[in-house]
Amino acid sequence: MSSLTHNSMTNHHAPGLIQQIGETLHVWHERYRTRRELTNWTARDLHDVGLSWTDIAYEADKPFWRA
């Protein structure tokens, strides 16, 4: 085989796939982080945004991969 890369052997999908995986991991990390942060809010914080402790418990109990 020559030192040139043959076009049929090049994976053109890898950069897009790697980017999608990175974006998915970022979304999952943000969900995990924000759900944990919600558990530290005060009753006043919750009242200000119209949430209850039940809402927070429901959200915090969801796994990071679930929207």
C-alpha atoms as a PDB file:
ATOM      1  CA  MET A   1       0.000   0.000   0.000  1.00  0.00           C
ATOM      2  CA  SER A   2       1.274   3.482  -0.748  1.00  0.00           C
ATOM      3  CA  SER A   3       1.949   6.130   1.830  1.00  0.00           C
ATOM      4  CA  LEU A   4      -1.204   7.993   0.706  1.00  0.00           C
ATOM      5  CA  THR A   5      -4.433   7.220   2.516  1.00  0.00           C
ATOM      6  CA  HIS A   6      -7.013   5.559   0.311  1.00  0.00           C
ATOM      7  CA  ASN A   7     -10.395   7.360   0.455  1.00  0.00           C
ATOM      8  CA  SER A   8     -12.383   4.166   0.884  1.00  0.00           C
ATOM      9  CA  MET A   9     -10.477   3.411   4.100  1.00  0.00           C
ATOM     10  CA  THR A  10     -11.181   6.770   5.734  1.00  0.00           C
ATOM     11  CA  ASN A  11     -13.904   6.893   8.382  1.00  0.00           C
ATOM     12  CA  HIS A  12     -15.828  10.069   7.582  1.00  0.00           C
ATOM     13  CA  HIS A  13     -18.349   9.514  10.381  1.00  0.00           C
ATOM     14  CA  ALA A  14     -15.951   9.425  13.328  1.00  0.00           C
ATOM     15  CA  PRO A  15     -15.679  13.203  13.975  1.00  0.00           C
ATOM     16  CA  GLY A  16     -19.480  13.596  14.034  1.00  0.00           C
ATOM     17  CA  LEU A  17     -19.934  10.561  16.252  1.00  0.00           C
ATOM     18  CA  ILE A  18     -17.266  11.724  18.678  1.00  0.00           C
ATOM     19  CA  GLN A  19     -18.895  15.163  18.829  1.00  0.00           C
ATOM     20  CA  GLN A  20     -22.323  13.620  19.504  1.00  0.00           C
ATOM     21  CA  ILE A  21     -20.892  11.470  22.290  1.00  0.00           C
ATOM     22  CA  GLY A  22     -19.208  14.518  23.810  1.00  0.00           C
ATOM     23  CA  GLU A  23     -22.434  16.537  23.655  1.00  0.00           C
ATOM     24  CA  THR A  24     -24.420  13.698  25.233  1.00  0.00           C
ATOM     25  CA  LEU A  25     -21.903  13.374  28.075  1.00  0.00           C
ATOM     26  CA  HIS A  26     -22.061  17.129  28.617  1.00  0.00           C
ATOM     27  CA  VAL A  27     -25.895  17.067  28.820  1.00  0.00           C
ATOM     28  CA  TRP A  28     -25.795  14.141  31.244  1.00  0.00           C
ATOM     29  CA  HIS A  29     -23.257  15.913  33.456  1.00  0.00           C
ATOM     30  CA  GLU A  30     -25.340  19.101  33.493  1.00  0.00           C
ATOM     31  CA  ARG A  31     -28.486  17.164  34.445  1.00  0.00           C
ATOM     32  CA  TYR A  32     -26.638  15.432  37.269  1.00  0.00           C
ATOM     33  CA  ARG A  33     -25.122  18.700  38.522  1.00  0.00           C
ATOM     34  CA  THR A  34     -28.311  20.766  38.394  1.00  0.00           C
ATOM     35  CA  ARG A  35     -30.435  18.062  40.021  1.00  0.00           C
ATOM     36  CA  ARG A  36     -27.967  17.851  42.900  1.00  0.00           C
ATOM     37  CA  GLU A  37     -27.958  21.637  43.165  1.00  0.00           C
ATOM     38  CA  LEU A  38     -31.761  21.712  43.435  1.00  0.00           C
ATOM     39  CA  THR A  39     -31.593  19.594  46.584  1.00  0.00           C
ATOM     40  CA  ASN A  40     -29.719  22.456  48.302  1.00  0.00           C
ATOM     41  CA  TRP A  41     -32.304  25.136  47.570  1.00  0.00           C
ATOM     42  CA  THR A  42     -34.146  26.730  50.461  1.00  0.00           C
ATOM     43  CA  ALA A  43     -37.914  26.843  50.872  1.00  0.00           C
ATOM     44  CA  ARG A  44     -37.810  30.493  49.814  1.00  0.00           C
ATOM     45  CA  ASP A  45     -35.876  29.634  46.631  1.00  0.00           C
ATOM     46  CA  LEU A  46     -38.469  27.016  45.775  1.00  0.00           C
ATOM     47  CA  HIS A  47     -41.333  29.394  46.498  1.00  0.00           C
ATOM     48  CA  ASP A  48     -39.751  32.058  44.261  1.00  0.00           C
ATOM     49  CA  VAL A  49     -39.723  29.710  41.254  1.00  0.00           C
ATOM     50  CA  GLY A  50     -42.998  27.970  42.067  1.00  0.00           C
ATOM     51  CA  LEU A  51     -41.633  24.527  42.972  1.00  0.00           C
ATOM     52  CA  SER A  52     -42.339  22.274  45.933  1.00  0.00           C
ATOM     53  CA  TRP A  53     -40.149  19.805  47.794  1.00  0.00           C
ATOM     54  CA  THR A  54     -42.134  17.067  46.037  1.00  0.00           C
ATOM     55  CA  ASP A  55     -41.158  18.532  42.645  1.00  0.00           C
ATOM     56  CA  ILE A  56     -37.511  18.599  43.703  1.00  0.00           C
ATOM     57  CA  ALA A  57     -37.585  15.035  45.050  1.00  0.00           C
ATOM     58  CA  TYR A  58     -39.134  13.794  41.801  1.00  0.00           C
ATOM     59  CA  GLU A  59     -36.522  15.582  39.694  1.00  0.00           C
ATOM     60  CA  ALA A  60     -33.555  14.639  41.892  1.00  0.00           C
ATOM     61  CA  ASP A  61     -34.516  10.947  41.866  1.00  0.00           C
ATOM     62  CA  LYS A  62     -34.411  10.712  38.074  1.00  0.00           C
ATOM     63  CA  PRO A  63     -31.273   9.133  36.587  1.00  0.00           C
ATOM     64  CA  PHE A  64     -28.961  11.497  34.692  1.00  0.00           C
ATOM     65  CA  TRP A  65     -29.817   9.966  31.319  1.00  0.00           C
ATOM     66  CA  ARG A  66     -33.549  10.716  31.680  1.00  0.00           C
ATOM     67  CA  ALA A  67     -34.757  14.169  30.653  1.00  0.00           C
END
